[in-house]
Amino acid sequence: PDNLVNTLHVDADDDVWLAFSSGGVGRIDARRQAVRPLDEGSGALADAQVWAMAHTADGALWFGAFGGGLFRRDRSGAITHYEEVPVGGGARSEHAIALATAPDGTLWIGTRSELWRRGPDGRFAPSPWSAALAGVRVHGVRPDGRGGRWIHTQRGLYFADASGLRRFRHPAAAEGDYQQMLVDRQGGLWFGD
């Protein structure tokens, strides 16, 4: 692994995962004060350009890769590779560039052209806002802690909840002006480049 990191993620066990820009992922081993690359049995994940990580309530860790699809690592360490993620009209995308989870176990998947979800039952389906977000690159999805989610796209920032999808206008959230978005515990938004 190299010293350039695409993204970081803290899983349900408080382990810190890193995705390296040269490809592959690793985990910080706090006892040994070292980064341990994930290679054994990881197959294509060892070289994948991971851009997003999330964990679901079942303890699985998900990795979204640019050009590599979607990977699921279960608690035993077994890895399932979804080479392509479904997108609208029966098409498929090999780019899973944004991931987020909901309390019910739904995994939200942002692709280069749409927002999808994988339900707790394991089925992939378009988001309820697919028509409004069709053809739009989804850079990030973040839950707000109250049942809604912020969606960061190439066209700016949106907020979605049971009442629908709304575009959020704010100077810090202008189109393409930021690379990262976080929601803090109080519901505040943070943007970074």
N, C-alpha and C. Protein backbone atom coordinates (compact mmCIF):
# COMPACT_ATOMS: atom_id res chain seq x y z
N PRO A 1 0.83 -1.20 0.00
CA PRO A 1 0.00 0.00 0.00
C PRO A 1 0.87 1.25 0.00
N ASP A 2 0.26 2.35 -0.45
CA ASP A 2 1.00 3.61 -0.44
C ASP A 2 0.48 4.51 0.67
N ASN A 3 0.98 5.73 0.73
CA ASN A 3 0.59 6.66 1.78
C ASN A 3 -0.59 7.53 1.39
N LEU A 4 -1.09 7.40 0.16
CA LEU A 4 -2.24 8.19 -0.27
C LEU A 4 -3.51 7.38 -0.04
N VAL A 5 -4.43 7.98 0.69
CA VAL A 5 -5.66 7.29 1.08
C VAL A 5 -6.86 7.95 0.43
N ASN A 6 -7.69 7.15 -0.25
CA ASN A 6 -8.91 7.66 -0.88
C ASN A 6 -10.00 7.95 0.14
N THR A 7 -10.17 7.04 1.10
CA THR A 7 -11.23 7.20 2.08
C THR A 7 -10.89 6.39 3.33
N LEU A 8 -11.51 6.76 4.44
CA LEU A 8 -11.37 6.07 5.73
C LEU A 8 -12.76 5.64 6.19
N HIS A 9 -12.81 4.60 7.00
CA HIS A 9 -14.09 4.16 7.55
C HIS A 9 -13.85 3.48 8.89
N VAL A 10 -14.69 3.77 9.87
CA VAL A 10 -14.65 3.09 11.16
C VAL A 10 -15.83 2.13 11.18
N ASP A 11 -15.55 0.83 11.36
CA ASP A 11 -16.62 -0.16 11.31
C ASP A 11 -17.28 -0.34 12.68
N ALA A 12 -18.21 -1.28 12.78
CA ALA A 12 -18.98 -1.50 14.00
C ALA A 12 -18.11 -1.94 15.17
N ASP A 13 -16.94 -2.50 14.90
CA ASP A 13 -16.02 -2.93 15.95
C ASP A 13 -14.97 -1.87 16.26
N ASP A 14 -15.16 -0.66 15.74
CA ASP A 14 -14.23 0.45 15.89
C ASP A 14 -12.88 0.22 15.23
N ASP A 15 -12.82 -0.68 14.27
CA ASP A 15 -11.61 -0.84 13.46
C ASP A 15 -11.61 0.23 12.39
N VAL A 16 -10.44 0.79 12.12
CA VAL A 16 -10.29 1.82 11.10
C VAL A 16 -9.78 1.16 9.82
N TRP A 17 -10.53 1.36 8.73
CA TRP A 17 -10.18 0.82 7.42
C TRP A 17 -9.72 1.97 6.53
N LEU A 18 -8.77 1.68 5.65
CA LEU A 18 -8.24 2.66 4.72
C LEU A 18 -8.32 2.09 3.31
N ALA A 19 -8.62 2.95 2.35
CA ALA A 19 -8.59 2.56 0.94
C ALA A 19 -7.46 3.34 0.29
N PHE A 20 -6.48 2.61 -0.28
CA PHE A 20 -5.28 3.23 -0.83
C PHE A 20 -5.49 3.64 -2.28
N SER A 21 -4.90 4.79 -2.65
CA SER A 21 -5.07 5.28 -4.02
C SER A 21 -4.42 4.34 -5.04
N SER A 22 -3.41 3.58 -4.63
CA SER A 22 -2.77 2.63 -5.55
C SER A 22 -3.58 1.35 -5.69
N GLY A 23 -4.64 1.22 -4.90
CA GLY A 23 -5.50 0.05 -4.97
C GLY A 23 -5.43 -0.75 -3.69
N GLY A 24 -6.54 -1.40 -3.38
CA GLY A 24 -6.61 -2.24 -2.20
C GLY A 24 -7.01 -1.49 -0.96
N VAL A 25 -7.23 -2.26 0.11
CA VAL A 25 -7.65 -1.71 1.39
C VAL A 25 -6.79 -2.31 2.50
N GLY A 26 -6.80 -1.65 3.64
CA GLY A 26 -6.08 -2.14 4.80
C GLY A 26 -6.80 -1.74 6.06
N ARG A 27 -6.37 -2.31 7.16
CA ARG A 27 -6.98 -2.02 8.46
C ARG A 27 -5.85 -1.63 9.42
N ILE A 28 -6.12 -0.65 10.26
CA ILE A 28 -5.14 -0.25 11.25
C ILE A 28 -5.18 -1.23 12.41
N ASP A 29 -4.05 -1.82 12.69
CA ASP A 29 -3.90 -2.73 13.82
C ASP A 29 -3.35 -1.89 14.98
N ALA A 30 -4.23 -1.48 15.89
CA ALA A 30 -3.84 -0.59 16.98
C ALA A 30 -2.83 -1.23 17.92
N ARG A 31 -2.94 -2.54 18.14
CA ARG A 31 -2.00 -3.21 19.05
C ARG A 31 -0.58 -3.19 18.51
N ARG A 32 -0.45 -3.42 17.23
CA ARG A 32 0.88 -3.45 16.62
C ARG A 32 1.29 -2.11 16.03
N GLN A 33 0.39 -1.14 16.07
CA GLN A 33 0.61 0.18 15.51
C GLN A 33 1.10 0.09 14.06
N ALA A 34 0.33 -0.65 13.28
CA ALA A 34 0.70 -0.86 11.88
C ALA A 34 -0.56 -0.95 11.03
N VAL A 35 -0.39 -0.70 9.75
CA VAL A 35 -1.47 -0.89 8.79
C VAL A 35 -1.29 -2.26 8.16
N ARG A 36 -2.35 -3.04 8.22
CA ARG A 36 -2.30 -4.39 7.65
C ARG A 36 -3.13 -4.44 6.39
N PRO A 37 -2.49 -4.62 5.23
CA PRO A 37 -3.25 -4.73 3.98
C PRO A 37 -4.13 -5.97 3.99
N LEU A 38 -5.27 -5.85 3.36
CA LEU A 38 -6.18 -6.99 3.22
C LEU A 38 -5.83 -7.68 1.92
N ASP A 39 -5.13 -8.81 1.98
CA ASP A 39 -4.79 -9.52 0.75
C ASP A 39 -5.32 -10.93 0.73
N GLU A 40 -5.10 -11.67 1.78
CA GLU A 40 -5.46 -13.08 1.78
C GLU A 40 -6.94 -13.29 1.48
N GLY A 41 -7.20 -13.99 0.40
CA GLY A 41 -8.57 -14.32 0.04
C GLY A 41 -9.40 -13.15 -0.43
N SER A 42 -8.78 -11.99 -0.64
CA SER A 42 -9.58 -10.83 -1.02
C SER A 42 -9.79 -10.73 -2.53
N GLY A 43 -9.09 -11.52 -3.32
CA GLY A 43 -9.30 -11.54 -4.77
C GLY A 43 -9.15 -10.17 -5.38
N ALA A 44 -10.15 -9.77 -6.18
CA ALA A 44 -10.10 -8.49 -6.91
C ALA A 44 -10.06 -7.29 -5.98
N LEU A 45 -10.50 -7.44 -4.73
CA LEU A 45 -10.48 -6.32 -3.79
C LEU A 45 -9.06 -5.86 -3.50
N ALA A 46 -8.09 -6.76 -3.59
CA ALA A 46 -6.69 -6.42 -3.31
C ALA A 46 -6.16 -5.34 -4.24
N ASP A 47 -6.72 -5.22 -5.46
CA ASP A 47 -6.26 -4.22 -6.43
C ASP A 47 -7.31 -3.17 -6.75
N ALA A 48 -8.47 -3.26 -6.15
CA ALA A 48 -9.58 -2.36 -6.49
C ALA A 48 -9.31 -0.92 -6.06
N GLN A 49 -9.79 0.01 -6.86
CA GLN A 49 -9.72 1.44 -6.53
C GLN A 49 -10.96 1.78 -5.69
N VAL A 50 -10.88 1.52 -4.40
CA VAL A 50 -12.02 1.72 -3.49
C VAL A 50 -12.18 3.21 -3.20
N TRP A 51 -13.40 3.69 -3.40
CA TRP A 51 -13.73 5.09 -3.16
C TRP A 51 -14.68 5.26 -1.99
N ALA A 52 -15.36 4.16 -1.57
CA ALA A 52 -16.36 4.29 -0.52
C ALA A 52 -16.41 3.01 0.31
N MET A 53 -16.73 3.17 1.60
CA MET A 53 -16.89 2.03 2.50
C MET A 53 -18.07 2.30 3.43
N ALA A 54 -18.74 1.24 3.83
CA ALA A 54 -19.85 1.33 4.78
C ALA A 54 -20.04 -0.04 5.41
N HIS A 55 -20.63 -0.06 6.61
CA HIS A 55 -20.95 -1.35 7.21
C HIS A 55 -22.45 -1.41 7.48
N THR A 56 -22.98 -2.63 7.41
CA THR A 56 -24.40 -2.84 7.64
C THR A 56 -24.61 -3.51 8.99
N ALA A 57 -25.84 -3.51 9.46
CA ALA A 57 -26.18 -4.02 10.79
C ALA A 57 -25.78 -5.48 11.00
N ASP A 58 -25.66 -6.26 9.92
CA ASP A 58 -25.27 -7.67 10.05
C ASP A 58 -23.77 -7.84 10.24
N GLY A 59 -23.03 -6.73 10.34
CA GLY A 59 -21.59 -6.79 10.55
C GLY A 59 -20.77 -6.85 9.28
N ALA A 60 -21.43 -6.84 8.14
CA ALA A 60 -20.69 -6.87 6.87
C ALA A 60 -20.08 -5.51 6.59
N LEU A 61 -18.92 -5.53 5.96
CA LEU A 61 -18.26 -4.30 5.52
C LEU A 61 -18.33 -4.27 3.99
N TRP A 62 -18.81 -3.17 3.45
CA TRP A 62 -19.00 -3.00 2.01
C TRP A 62 -17.96 -2.04 1.47
N PHE A 63 -17.46 -2.34 0.28
CA PHE A 63 -16.48 -1.51 -0.40
C PHE A 63 -17.02 -1.18 -1.79
N GLY A 64 -17.06 0.10 -2.13
CA GLY A 64 -17.47 0.52 -3.46
C GLY A 64 -16.25 0.94 -4.25
N ALA A 65 -16.09 0.39 -5.44
CA ALA A 65 -14.88 0.64 -6.23
C ALA A 65 -15.20 1.29 -7.56
N PHE A 66 -14.30 2.18 -7.96
CA PHE A 66 -14.40 2.81 -9.27
C PHE A 66 -13.86 1.82 -10.29
N GLY A 67 -14.73 1.31 -11.13
CA GLY A 67 -14.33 0.33 -12.13
C GLY A 67 -14.25 -1.09 -11.60
N GLY A 68 -14.58 -1.29 -10.33
CA GLY A 68 -14.46 -2.63 -9.75
C GLY A 68 -15.75 -3.16 -9.17
N GLY A 69 -16.81 -2.37 -9.19
CA GLY A 69 -18.08 -2.82 -8.65
C GLY A 69 -18.18 -2.67 -7.14
N LEU A 70 -18.80 -3.65 -6.53
CA LEU A 70 -19.14 -3.62 -5.12
C LEU A 70 -18.65 -4.90 -4.47
N PHE A 71 -18.05 -4.78 -3.28
CA PHE A 71 -17.56 -5.93 -2.53
C PHE A 71 -18.22 -5.96 -1.17
N ARG A 72 -18.51 -7.18 -0.68
CA ARG A 72 -19.07 -7.36 0.66
C ARG A 72 -18.18 -8.33 1.42
N ARG A 73 -17.67 -7.90 2.57
CA ARG A 73 -16.85 -8.75 3.43
C ARG A 73 -17.67 -9.07 4.67
N ASP A 74 -18.01 -10.35 4.86
CA ASP A 74 -18.82 -10.69 6.03
C ASP A 74 -17.93 -10.84 7.27
N ARG A 75 -18.55 -11.09 8.42
CA ARG A 75 -17.81 -11.17 9.68
C ARG A 75 -16.73 -12.26 9.68
N SER A 76 -16.93 -13.31 8.89
CA SER A 76 -15.94 -14.39 8.84
C SER A 76 -14.74 -14.03 7.95
N GLY A 77 -14.88 -12.94 7.19
CA GLY A 77 -13.81 -12.53 6.28
C GLY A 77 -14.06 -12.93 4.84
N ALA A 78 -15.14 -13.70 4.59
CA ALA A 78 -15.47 -14.11 3.22
C ALA A 78 -15.91 -12.89 2.41
N ILE A 79 -15.44 -12.83 1.17
CA ILE A 79 -15.73 -11.68 0.31
C ILE A 79 -16.58 -12.10 -0.88
N THR A 80 -17.66 -11.34 -1.11
CA THR A 80 -18.51 -11.51 -2.28
C THR A 80 -18.29 -10.30 -3.17
N HIS A 81 -18.09 -10.55 -4.46
CA HIS A 81 -17.82 -9.47 -5.41
C HIS A 81 -19.00 -9.34 -6.37
N TYR A 82 -19.61 -8.17 -6.38
CA TYR A 82 -20.64 -7.83 -7.36
C TYR A 82 -19.93 -6.98 -8.40
N GLU A 83 -19.56 -7.59 -9.53
CA GLU A 83 -18.75 -6.88 -10.51
C GLU A 83 -19.45 -5.67 -11.08
N GLU A 84 -20.77 -5.72 -11.12
CA GLU A 84 -21.54 -4.60 -11.62
C GLU A 84 -22.72 -4.36 -10.70
N VAL A 85 -23.12 -3.11 -10.59
CA VAL A 85 -24.26 -2.71 -9.78
C VAL A 85 -25.39 -2.37 -10.74
N PRO A 86 -26.62 -2.83 -10.48
CA PRO A 86 -27.73 -2.49 -11.38
C PRO A 86 -27.96 -0.98 -11.40
N VAL A 87 -28.29 -0.47 -12.55
CA VAL A 87 -28.73 0.92 -12.69
C VAL A 87 -29.95 0.92 -13.59
N GLY A 88 -30.55 2.06 -13.82
CA GLY A 88 -31.82 2.15 -14.52
C GLY A 88 -31.94 1.44 -15.85
N GLY A 89 -33.15 1.01 -16.15
CA GLY A 89 -33.47 0.43 -17.44
C GLY A 89 -32.78 -0.89 -17.72
N GLY A 90 -32.38 -1.61 -16.67
CA GLY A 90 -31.73 -2.90 -16.86
C GLY A 90 -30.24 -2.79 -17.12
N ALA A 91 -29.72 -1.57 -17.20
CA ALA A 91 -28.28 -1.39 -17.40
C ALA A 91 -27.52 -1.71 -16.12
N ARG A 92 -26.19 -1.77 -16.23
CA ARG A 92 -25.37 -2.06 -15.06
C ARG A 92 -24.17 -1.12 -15.07
N SER A 93 -23.62 -0.87 -13.89
CA SER A 93 -22.46 0.00 -13.78
C SER A 93 -21.38 -0.70 -12.98
N GLU A 94 -20.14 -0.54 -13.40
CA GLU A 94 -19.03 -1.12 -12.64
C GLU A 94 -18.46 -0.12 -11.65
N HIS A 95 -19.13 1.03 -11.49
CA HIS A 95 -18.66 2.08 -10.60
C HIS A 95 -19.61 2.24 -9.41
N ALA A 96 -19.16 1.86 -8.23
CA ALA A 96 -19.90 2.10 -6.99
C ALA A 96 -19.07 3.09 -6.20
N ILE A 97 -19.38 4.39 -6.32
CA ILE A 97 -18.48 5.41 -5.81
C ILE A 97 -18.95 6.08 -4.53
N ALA A 98 -20.13 5.73 -4.04
CA ALA A 98 -20.63 6.28 -2.78
C ALA A 98 -21.46 5.20 -2.08
N LEU A 99 -21.27 5.04 -0.78
CA LEU A 99 -22.02 4.06 0.00
C LEU A 99 -22.49 4.68 1.31
N ALA A 100 -23.65 4.27 1.77
CA ALA A 100 -24.15 4.66 3.09
C ALA A 100 -25.16 3.60 3.53
N THR A 101 -25.33 3.47 4.83
CA THR A 101 -26.31 2.52 5.34
C THR A 101 -27.39 3.23 6.13
N ALA A 102 -28.53 2.60 6.18
CA ALA A 102 -29.66 3.10 6.97
C ALA A 102 -29.87 2.15 8.14
N PRO A 103 -30.53 2.61 9.21
CA PRO A 103 -30.75 1.76 10.38
C PRO A 103 -31.48 0.45 10.07
N ASP A 104 -32.29 0.42 9.02
CA ASP A 104 -33.02 -0.81 8.70
C ASP A 104 -32.17 -1.81 7.92
N GLY A 105 -30.90 -1.47 7.65
CA GLY A 105 -30.02 -2.38 6.93
C GLY A 105 -29.91 -2.11 5.45
N THR A 106 -30.62 -1.11 4.96
CA THR A 106 -30.51 -0.75 3.55
C THR A 106 -29.14 -0.17 3.26
N LEU A 107 -28.54 -0.60 2.16
CA LEU A 107 -27.28 -0.05 1.69
C LEU A 107 -27.58 0.86 0.51
N TRP A 108 -27.21 2.14 0.61
CA TRP A 108 -27.40 3.10 -0.47
C TRP A 108 -26.14 3.12 -1.31
N ILE A 109 -26.29 3.07 -2.63
CA ILE A 109 -25.16 2.95 -3.55
C ILE A 109 -25.24 4.06 -4.59
N GLY A 110 -24.26 4.93 -4.57
CA GLY A 110 -24.17 5.98 -5.58
C GLY A 110 -23.27 5.51 -6.71
N THR A 111 -23.73 5.67 -7.94
CA THR A 111 -22.95 5.27 -9.11
C THR A 111 -22.64 6.51 -9.94
N ARG A 112 -22.05 6.30 -11.09
CA ARG A 112 -21.75 7.43 -11.99
C ARG A 112 -23.01 7.96 -12.66
N SER A 113 -24.13 7.26 -12.50
CA SER A 113 -25.32 7.72 -13.21
C SER A 113 -26.62 7.61 -12.43
N GLU A 114 -26.57 7.24 -11.14
CA GLU A 114 -27.84 7.05 -10.44
C GLU A 114 -27.59 6.68 -8.98
N LEU A 115 -28.67 6.70 -8.18
CA LEU A 115 -28.63 6.24 -6.80
C LEU A 115 -29.49 4.98 -6.69
N TRP A 116 -28.87 3.91 -6.17
CA TRP A 116 -29.56 2.65 -5.98
C TRP A 116 -29.54 2.25 -4.52
N ARG A 117 -30.27 1.19 -4.20
CA ARG A 117 -30.25 0.66 -2.84
C ARG A 117 -30.28 -0.86 -2.88
N ARG A 118 -29.71 -1.43 -1.84
CA ARG A 118 -29.79 -2.88 -1.64
C ARG A 118 -30.52 -3.06 -0.33
N GLY A 119 -31.71 -3.63 -0.39
CA GLY A 119 -32.54 -3.77 0.80
C GLY A 119 -32.03 -4.84 1.75
N PRO A 120 -32.55 -4.87 2.96
CA PRO A 120 -32.17 -5.90 3.93
C PRO A 120 -32.41 -7.32 3.40
N ASP A 121 -33.29 -7.46 2.41
CA ASP A 121 -33.57 -8.77 1.81
C ASP A 121 -32.55 -9.16 0.75
N GLY A 122 -31.57 -8.26 0.47
CA GLY A 122 -30.52 -8.56 -0.50
C GLY A 122 -30.84 -8.16 -1.93
N ARG A 123 -32.01 -7.59 -2.16
CA ARG A 123 -32.39 -7.20 -3.53
C ARG A 123 -31.96 -5.78 -3.84
N PHE A 124 -31.46 -5.60 -5.06
CA PHE A 124 -31.10 -4.27 -5.56
C PHE A 124 -32.34 -3.64 -6.17
N ALA A 125 -32.51 -2.33 -5.95
CA ALA A 125 -33.66 -1.61 -6.51
C ALA A 125 -33.26 -0.14 -6.68
N PRO A 126 -33.91 0.53 -7.64
CA PRO A 126 -33.63 1.96 -7.78
C PRO A 126 -34.13 2.72 -6.56
N SER A 127 -33.54 3.87 -6.29
CA SER A 127 -34.02 4.69 -5.18
C SER A 127 -35.38 5.27 -5.56
N PRO A 128 -36.16 5.71 -4.57
CA PRO A 128 -37.45 6.33 -4.90
C PRO A 128 -37.29 7.61 -5.73
N TRP A 129 -36.08 8.16 -5.80
CA TRP A 129 -35.83 9.43 -6.51
C TRP A 129 -35.05 9.20 -7.80
N SER A 130 -35.10 7.99 -8.33
CA SER A 130 -34.32 7.66 -9.53
C SER A 130 -34.63 8.56 -10.71
N ALA A 131 -35.88 8.89 -10.91
CA ALA A 131 -36.23 9.73 -12.06
C ALA A 131 -35.55 11.09 -11.96
N ALA A 132 -35.55 11.69 -10.78
CA ALA A 132 -34.95 13.02 -10.60
C ALA A 132 -33.42 12.97 -10.66
N LEU A 133 -32.83 11.82 -10.32
CA LEU A 133 -31.37 11.70 -10.28
C LEU A 133 -30.80 10.89 -11.45
N ALA A 134 -31.63 10.54 -12.42
CA ALA A 134 -31.16 9.75 -13.56
C ALA A 134 -30.06 10.48 -14.31
N GLY A 135 -28.98 9.77 -14.60
CA GLY A 135 -27.88 10.34 -15.34
C GLY A 135 -26.95 11.23 -14.52
N VAL A 136 -27.17 11.29 -13.20
CA VAL A 136 -26.39 12.17 -12.33
C VAL A 136 -25.38 11.35 -11.53
N ARG A 137 -24.13 11.78 -11.54
CA ARG A 137 -23.10 11.12 -10.74
C ARG A 137 -23.36 11.44 -9.26
N VAL A 138 -23.45 10.39 -8.45
CA VAL A 138 -23.67 10.55 -7.01
C VAL A 138 -22.32 10.39 -6.31
N HIS A 139 -21.84 11.49 -5.73
CA HIS A 139 -20.53 11.49 -5.06
C HIS A 139 -20.61 10.99 -3.62
N GLY A 140 -21.74 11.21 -2.96
CA GLY A 140 -21.84 10.82 -1.56
C GLY A 140 -23.27 10.74 -1.10
N VAL A 141 -23.51 9.89 -0.12
CA VAL A 141 -24.82 9.75 0.51
C VAL A 141 -24.55 9.69 2.01
N ARG A 142 -25.23 10.52 2.79
CA ARG A 142 -25.03 10.51 4.23
C ARG A 142 -26.39 10.58 4.93
N PRO A 143 -26.66 9.64 5.85
CA PRO A 143 -27.91 9.72 6.63
C PRO A 143 -27.85 10.92 7.58
N ASP A 144 -29.01 11.50 7.86
CA ASP A 144 -29.05 12.66 8.76
C ASP A 144 -29.34 12.26 10.20
N GLY A 145 -29.57 10.96 10.46
CA GLY A 145 -29.85 10.50 11.82
C GLY A 145 -31.32 10.57 12.20
N ARG A 146 -32.15 11.10 11.31
CA ARG A 146 -33.59 11.22 11.60
C ARG A 146 -34.44 10.60 10.50
N GLY A 147 -33.85 9.71 9.70
CA GLY A 147 -34.61 9.04 8.65
C GLY A 147 -34.42 9.62 7.27
N GLY A 148 -33.77 10.77 7.17
CA GLY A 148 -33.50 11.37 5.87
C GLY A 148 -32.07 11.11 5.46
N ARG A 149 -31.71 11.57 4.27
CA ARG A 149 -30.34 11.42 3.82
C ARG A 149 -29.97 12.59 2.92
N TRP A 150 -28.71 13.00 3.04
CA TRP A 150 -28.14 14.01 2.17
C TRP A 150 -27.49 13.30 1.00
N ILE A 151 -27.71 13.82 -0.20
CA ILE A 151 -27.16 13.21 -1.41
C ILE A 151 -26.33 14.27 -2.14
N HIS A 152 -25.05 14.02 -2.24
CA HIS A 152 -24.10 14.95 -2.87
C HIS A 152 -23.89 14.48 -4.31
N THR A 153 -24.22 15.32 -5.27
CA THR A 153 -24.14 14.94 -6.68
C THR A 153 -23.34 15.96 -7.48
N GLN A 154 -23.11 15.65 -8.74
CA GLN A 154 -22.43 16.58 -9.62
C GLN A 154 -23.27 17.83 -9.85
N ARG A 155 -24.57 17.76 -9.58
CA ARG A 155 -25.45 18.92 -9.74
C ARG A 155 -25.70 19.67 -8.44
N GLY A 156 -25.02 19.27 -7.36
CA GLY A 156 -25.21 19.94 -6.08
C GLY A 156 -25.75 19.00 -5.03
N LEU A 157 -26.30 19.57 -3.99
CA LEU A 157 -26.73 18.84 -2.81
C LEU A 157 -28.25 18.68 -2.77
N TYR A 158 -28.69 17.48 -2.41
CA TYR A 158 -30.12 17.19 -2.27
C TYR A 158 -30.37 16.60 -0.89
N PHE A 159 -31.60 16.76 -0.42
CA PHE A 159 -32.03 16.11 0.81
C PHE A 159 -33.25 15.28 0.48
N ALA A 160 -33.25 14.02 0.94
CA ALA A 160 -34.37 13.11 0.66
C ALA A 160 -34.89 12.53 1.96
N ASP A 161 -36.21 12.49 2.08
CA ASP A 161 -36.86 11.82 3.21
C ASP A 161 -38.23 11.35 2.73
N ALA A 162 -39.08 10.96 3.66
CA ALA A 162 -40.40 10.42 3.30
C ALA A 162 -41.24 11.41 2.50
N SER A 163 -40.97 12.71 2.65
CA SER A 163 -41.77 13.71 1.92
C SER A 163 -41.26 13.96 0.50
N GLY A 164 -40.10 13.40 0.15
CA GLY A 164 -39.60 13.55 -1.22
C GLY A 164 -38.15 14.02 -1.28
N LEU A 165 -37.78 14.48 -2.45
CA LEU A 165 -36.42 14.93 -2.74
C LEU A 165 -36.43 16.44 -2.97
N ARG A 166 -35.53 17.14 -2.26
CA ARG A 166 -35.44 18.58 -2.42
C ARG A 166 -34.00 18.98 -2.67
N ARG A 167 -33.82 19.92 -3.58
CA ARG A 167 -32.48 20.46 -3.82
C ARG A 167 -32.18 21.49 -2.75
N PHE A 168 -30.98 21.42 -2.22
CA PHE A 168 -30.57 22.30 -1.13
C PHE A 168 -29.62 23.33 -1.69
N ARG A 169 -29.95 24.58 -1.53
CA ARG A 169 -29.11 25.66 -2.07
C ARG A 169 -28.29 26.30 -0.94
N HIS A 170 -26.99 26.25 -1.11
CA HIS A 170 -26.08 26.84 -0.13
C HIS A 170 -24.76 27.10 -0.84
N PRO A 171 -24.10 28.22 -0.57
CA PRO A 171 -22.83 28.51 -1.27
C PRO A 171 -21.78 27.42 -1.09
N ALA A 172 -21.74 26.78 0.08
CA ALA A 172 -20.74 25.73 0.31
C ALA A 172 -21.08 24.46 -0.44
N ALA A 173 -22.31 24.33 -0.92
CA ALA A 173 -22.75 23.12 -1.60
C ALA A 173 -22.99 23.35 -3.08
N ALA A 174 -22.30 24.30 -3.66
CA ALA A 174 -22.46 24.58 -5.09
C ALA A 174 -21.99 23.38 -5.91
N GLU A 175 -22.42 23.35 -7.16
CA GLU A 175 -22.10 22.23 -8.03
C GLU A 175 -20.60 22.00 -8.15
N GLY A 176 -20.16 20.79 -7.82
CA GLY A 176 -18.78 20.39 -8.02
C GLY A 176 -17.74 21.12 -7.18
N ASP A 177 -18.15 21.89 -6.17
CA ASP A 177 -17.21 22.68 -5.39
C ASP A 177 -16.58 21.93 -4.22
N TYR A 178 -16.94 20.68 -3.98
CA TYR A 178 -16.38 19.96 -2.85
C TYR A 178 -16.33 18.47 -3.17
N GLN A 179 -15.46 17.76 -2.49
CA GLN A 179 -15.29 16.33 -2.73
C GLN A 179 -15.89 15.47 -1.62
N GLN A 180 -15.90 15.97 -0.40
CA GLN A 180 -16.37 15.17 0.73
C GLN A 180 -17.46 15.91 1.48
N MET A 181 -18.35 15.12 2.09
CA MET A 181 -19.42 15.67 2.90
C MET A 181 -19.60 14.76 4.11
N LEU A 182 -19.74 15.36 5.28
CA LEU A 182 -20.01 14.61 6.50
C LEU A 182 -21.17 15.25 7.22
N VAL A 183 -21.91 14.43 7.96
CA VAL A 183 -22.98 14.92 8.82
C VAL A 183 -22.54 14.61 10.25
N ASP A 184 -22.47 15.65 11.11
CA ASP A 184 -22.04 15.40 12.49
C ASP A 184 -23.22 14.94 13.34
N ARG A 185 -22.96 14.65 14.60
CA ARG A 185 -23.99 14.10 15.50
C ARG A 185 -25.15 15.06 15.74
N GLN A 186 -24.90 16.35 15.59
CA GLN A 186 -25.97 17.34 15.77
C GLN A 186 -26.72 17.63 14.47
N GLY A 187 -26.35 16.95 13.38
CA GLY A 187 -27.00 17.15 12.10
C GLY A 187 -26.35 18.22 11.24
N GLY A 188 -25.24 18.78 11.69
CA GLY A 188 -24.52 19.79 10.89
C GLY A 188 -23.82 19.18 9.72
N LEU A 189 -23.72 19.93 8.65
CA LEU A 189 -23.03 19.47 7.43
C LEU A 189 -21.62 20.05 7.37
N TRP A 190 -20.69 19.21 6.96
CA TRP A 190 -19.29 19.61 6.77
C TRP A 190 -18.88 19.26 5.36
N PHE A 191 -18.20 20.18 4.69
CA PHE A 191 -17.77 19.97 3.32
C PHE A 191 -16.25 20.08 3.24
N GLY A 192 -15.64 19.27 2.42
CA GLY A 192 -14.19 19.32 2.25
C GLY A 192 -13.80 19.06 0.81
N ASP A 193 -12.61 19.48 0.50
CA ASP A 193 -12.13 19.33 -0.86
C ASP A 193 -11.03 18.31 -0.95
